[in-house]
C-alpha atoms as a PDB file:
ATOM      1  CA  UNK A   1       6.355 -12.933   9.594  1.00  0.00           C
ATOM      2  CA  UNK A   2       8.734 -14.576  11.977  1.00  0.00           C
ATOM      3  CA  UNK A   3       9.078 -11.680  14.401  1.00  0.00           C
ATOM      4  CA  UNK A   4       7.149 -11.514  17.603  1.00  0.00           C
ATOM      5  CA  UNK A   5       4.994  -8.382  17.826  1.00  0.00           C
ATOM      6  CA  UNK A   6       6.944  -7.266  20.899  1.00  0.00           C
ATOM      7  CA  UNK A   7      10.234  -7.410  18.932  1.00  0.00           C
ATOM      8  CA  UNK A   8       9.104  -4.841  16.363  1.00  0.00           C
ATOM      9  CA  UNK A   9       9.585  -1.128  16.644  1.00  0.00           C
ATOM     10  CA  UNK A  10       6.493   1.120  16.595  1.00  0.00           C
ATOM     11  CA  UNK A  11       7.152   2.264  13.010  1.00  0.00           C
ATOM     12  CA  UNK A  12       7.143  -1.329  11.749  1.00  0.00           C
ATOM     13  CA  UNK A  13       3.897  -2.023  13.588  1.00  0.00           C
ATOM     14  CA  UNK A  14       2.341   1.126  12.145  1.00  0.00           C
ATOM     15  CA  UNK A  15       3.470   0.201   8.630  1.00  0.00           C
ATOM     16  CA  UNK A  16       2.107  -3.330   9.000  1.00  0.00           C
ATOM     17  CA  UNK A  17      -1.194  -1.951  10.305  1.00  0.00           C
ATOM     18  CA  UNK A  18      -1.333   0.517   7.401  1.00  0.00           C
ATOM     19  CA  UNK A  19      -0.914  -2.235   4.816  1.00  0.00           C
ATOM     20  CA  UNK A  20      -3.271  -4.568   6.671  1.00  0.00           C
ATOM     21  CA  UNK A  21      -5.912  -1.822   6.694  1.00  0.00           C
ATOM     22  CA  UNK A  22      -5.598  -1.216   2.960  1.00  0.00           C
ATOM     23  CA  UNK A  23      -5.730  -4.962   2.334  1.00  0.00           C
ATOM     24  CA  UNK A  24      -8.763  -5.419   4.570  1.00  0.00           C
ATOM     25  CA  UNK A  25     -10.652  -2.664   2.780  1.00  0.00           C
ATOM     26  CA  UNK A  26      -9.678  -4.132  -0.600  1.00  0.00           C
ATOM     27  CA  UNK A  27     -10.858  -7.580   0.514  1.00  0.00           C
ATOM     28  CA  UNK A  28     -14.153  -6.101   1.721  1.00  0.00           C
ATOM     29  CA  UNK A  29     -14.742  -4.302  -1.579  1.00  0.00           C
ATOM     30  CA  UNK A  30     -13.899  -7.463  -3.516  1.00  0.00           C
ATOM     31  CA  UNK A  31     -16.349  -9.418  -1.339  1.00  0.00           C
ATOM     32  CA  UNK A  32     -19.122  -6.991  -2.137  1.00  0.00           C
ATOM     33  CA  UNK A  33     -18.430  -7.134  -5.865  1.00  0.00           C
ATOM     34  CA  UNK A  34     -17.745 -10.839  -6.430  1.00  0.00           C
ATOM     35  CA  UNK A  35     -19.483 -13.890  -4.945  1.00  0.00           C
ATOM     36  CA  UNK A  36     -16.410 -16.107  -5.480  1.00  0.00           C
ATOM     37  CA  UNK A  37     -14.211 -13.583  -3.651  1.00  0.00           C
ATOM     38  CA  UNK A  38     -16.787 -13.404  -0.854  1.00  0.00           C
ATOM     39  CA  UNK A  39     -16.554 -17.176  -0.381  1.00  0.00           C
ATOM     40  CA  UNK A  40     -12.736 -17.048  -0.532  1.00  0.00           C
ATOM     41  CA  UNK A  41     -12.616 -14.247   2.050  1.00  0.00           C
ATOM     42  CA  UNK A  42     -14.985 -16.109   4.369  1.00  0.00           C
ATOM     43  CA  UNK A  43     -12.677 -19.131   4.177  1.00  0.00           C
ATOM     44  CA  UNK A  44      -9.704 -16.897   4.976  1.00  0.00           C
ATOM     45  CA  UNK A  45     -11.451 -15.641   8.118  1.00  0.00           C
ATOM     46  CA  UNK A  46     -10.915 -19.111   9.520  1.00  0.00           C
ATOM     47  CA  UNK A  47      -7.151 -18.650   9.330  1.00  0.00           C
ATOM     48  CA  UNK A  48      -5.016 -17.619  12.268  1.00  0.00           C
ATOM     49  CA  UNK A  49      -5.244 -13.858  12.864  1.00  0.00           C
ATOM     50  CA  UNK A  50      -1.521 -13.418  12.209  1.00  0.00           C
ATOM     51  CA  UNK A  51      -1.832 -15.171   8.854  1.00  0.00           C
ATOM     52  CA  UNK A  52      -4.855 -13.050   7.990  1.00  0.00           C
ATOM     53  CA  UNK A  53      -3.010  -9.823   8.881  1.00  0.00           C
ATOM     54  CA  UNK A  54      -0.106 -10.939   6.681  1.00  0.00           C
ATOM     55  CA  UNK A  55      -2.462 -11.685   3.786  1.00  0.00           C
ATOM     56  CA  UNK A  56      -4.129  -8.297   4.158  1.00  0.00           C
ATOM     57  CA  UNK A  57      -0.759  -6.548   4.400  1.00  0.00           C
ATOM     58  CA  UNK A  58       0.357  -8.178   1.152  1.00  0.00           C
ATOM     59  CA  UNK A  59      -2.903  -7.162  -0.535  1.00  0.00           C
ATOM     60  CA  UNK A  60      -2.304  -3.639   0.795  1.00  0.00           C
ATOM     61  CA  UNK A  61       1.193  -3.583  -0.717  1.00  0.00           C
ATOM     62  CA  UNK A  62      -0.211  -4.603  -4.086  1.00  0.00           C
ATOM     63  CA  UNK A  63      -2.947  -1.963  -3.849  1.00  0.00           C
ATOM     64  CA  UNK A  64      -0.363   0.654  -2.840  1.00  0.00           C
ATOM     65  CA  UNK A  65       1.795  -0.274  -5.844  1.00  0.00           C
ATOM     66  CA  UNK A  66      -1.188   0.049  -8.182  1.00  0.00           C
ATOM     67  CA  UNK A  67      -2.014   3.449  -6.690  1.00  0.00           C
ATOM     68  CA  UNK A  68       1.594   4.571  -7.102  1.00  0.00           C
ATOM     69  CA  UNK A  69       1.572   3.564 -10.791  1.00  0.00           C
ATOM     70  CA  UNK A  70      -1.672   5.480 -11.266  1.00  0.00           C
ATOM     71  CA  UNK A  71      -0.196   8.595  -9.633  1.00  0.00           C
ATOM     72  CA  UNK A  72       3.007   8.323 -11.687  1.00  0.00           C
ATOM     73  CA  UNK A  73       0.933   7.982 -14.855  1.00  0.00           C
ATOM     74  CA  UNK A  74      -1.127  11.019 -13.890  1.00  0.00           C
ATOM     75  CA  UNK A  75       2.001  13.089 -13.206  1.00  0.00           C
ATOM     76  CA  UNK A  76       3.484  12.026 -16.545  1.00  0.00           C
ATOM     77  CA  UNK A  77       0.302  12.966 -18.389  1.00  0.00           C
ATOM     78  CA  UNK A  78       0.117  16.316 -16.632  1.00  0.00           C
ATOM     79  CA  UNK A  79       3.717  17.216 -17.433  1.00  0.00           C
ATOM     80  CA  UNK A  80       3.336  16.090 -21.057  1.00  0.00           C
ATOM     81  CA  UNK A  81       0.029  17.865 -21.662  1.00  0.00           C
ATOM     82  CA  UNK A  82       0.306  20.766 -24.088  1.00  0.00           C
ATOM     83  CA  UNK A  83      -2.856  22.527 -22.930  1.00  0.00           C
ATOM     84  CA  UNK A  84      -2.394  25.232 -20.305  1.00  0.00           C
ATOM     85  CA  UNK A  85      -3.248  24.193 -16.775  1.00  0.00           C
ATOM     86  CA  UNK A  86      -5.331  26.398 -14.456  1.00  0.00           C
ATOM     87  CA  UNK A  87      -2.587  26.231 -11.805  1.00  0.00           C
ATOM     88  CA  UNK A  88       0.596  28.232 -12.019  1.00  0.00           C
ATOM     89  CA  UNK A  89       3.887  26.636 -12.981  1.00  0.00           C
ATOM     90  CA  UNK A  90       5.126  27.024  -9.408  1.00  0.00           C
ATOM     91  CA  UNK A  91       2.016  25.313  -8.037  1.00  0.00           C
ATOM     92  CA  UNK A  92       2.347  22.488 -10.552  1.00  0.00           C
ATOM     93  CA  UNK A  93       6.004  21.976  -9.665  1.00  0.00           C
ATOM     94  CA  UNK A  94       5.154  21.965  -5.948  1.00  0.00           C
ATOM     95  CA  UNK A  95       2.409  19.393  -6.495  1.00  0.00           C
ATOM     96  CA  UNK A  96       4.731  17.221  -8.595  1.00  0.00           C
ATOM     97  CA  UNK A  97       7.424  17.457  -5.924  1.00  0.00           C
ATOM     98  CA  UNK A  98       4.914  16.456  -3.233  1.00  0.00           C
ATOM     99  CA  UNK A  99       3.717  13.491  -5.286  1.00  0.00           C
ATOM    100  CA  UNK A 100       7.273  12.357  -6.006  1.00  0.00           C
ATOM    101  CA  UNK A 101       8.116  12.638  -2.306  1.00  0.00           C
ATOM    102  CA  UNK A 102       5.040  10.569  -1.460  1.00  0.00           C
ATOM    103  CA  UNK A 103       6.042   7.930  -3.993  1.00  0.00           C
ATOM    104  CA  UNK A 104       9.567   7.752  -2.598  1.00  0.00           C
ATOM    105  CA  UNK A 105       8.213   7.504   0.937  1.00  0.00           C
ATOM    106  CA  UNK A 106       5.945   4.645  -0.093  1.00  0.00           C
ATOM    107  CA  UNK A 107       8.888   2.904  -1.762  1.00  0.00           C
ATOM    108  CA  UNK A 108      10.942   3.258   1.417  1.00  0.00           C
ATOM    109  CA  UNK A 109       8.111   1.880   3.543  1.00  0.00           C
ATOM    110  CA  UNK A 110       7.735  -1.091   1.214  1.00  0.00           C
ATOM    111  CA  UNK A 111      11.506  -1.691   1.242  1.00  0.00           C
ATOM    112  CA  UNK A 112      11.607  -1.583   5.051  1.00  0.00           C
ATOM    113  CA  UNK A 113       8.736  -4.050   5.293  1.00  0.00           C
ATOM    114  CA  UNK A 114      10.408  -6.388   2.805  1.00  0.00           C
ATOM    115  CA  UNK A 115      13.637  -6.262   4.803  1.00  0.00           C
ATOM    116  CA  UNK A 116      11.715  -7.022   7.983  1.00  0.00           C
ATOM    117  CA  UNK A 117      10.028 -10.009   6.341  1.00  0.00           C
ATOM    118  CA  UNK A 118      13.349 -11.324   5.042  1.00  0.00           C
ATOM    119  CA  UNK A 119      15.253 -10.923   8.306  1.00  0.00           C
ATOM    120  CA  UNK A 120      15.764 -14.117  10.355  1.00  0.00           C
ATOM    121  CA  UNK A 121      13.833 -14.709  13.543  1.00  0.00           C
ATOM    122  CA  UNK A 122      15.744 -13.739  16.748  1.00  0.00           C
END
C-alpha cells in the first residue's frame, strides 16, 4: 500500500479493516491448528504494523473468495435440487437474490481495493 492513511476515504479504510479483520481471525485459527503456522505468525508479528495489516488484508481477500465460492456452490445445489424445499418459491428466489447481491457487493469491494493498491502514490 503506497497511500498514506490520511489520503484514503473512509470507505477504503473500512474495507481494509474488514479484510484485515478476516485475515487476522484466519491467522489466529491457523495458529491454533498448526504449530508451523504458529511459528510463522509469530515471526510475522515482528513486521511493521502496516505490512502486517496488508498481509492480513490479503488473507482476508482469499478467505472472502473461498466463502463466495462456497455460497455460489450452495446456491447452485439448491436451485438444481429436485426435492421440494420447505421454503416457498418466492422465499427461495428472495434468498437467492440476496446472496447474489452479496456476492456482487463483495466483488465490487475487492475490485475497489485492487484499484487502490494499483494506483500510484500521490
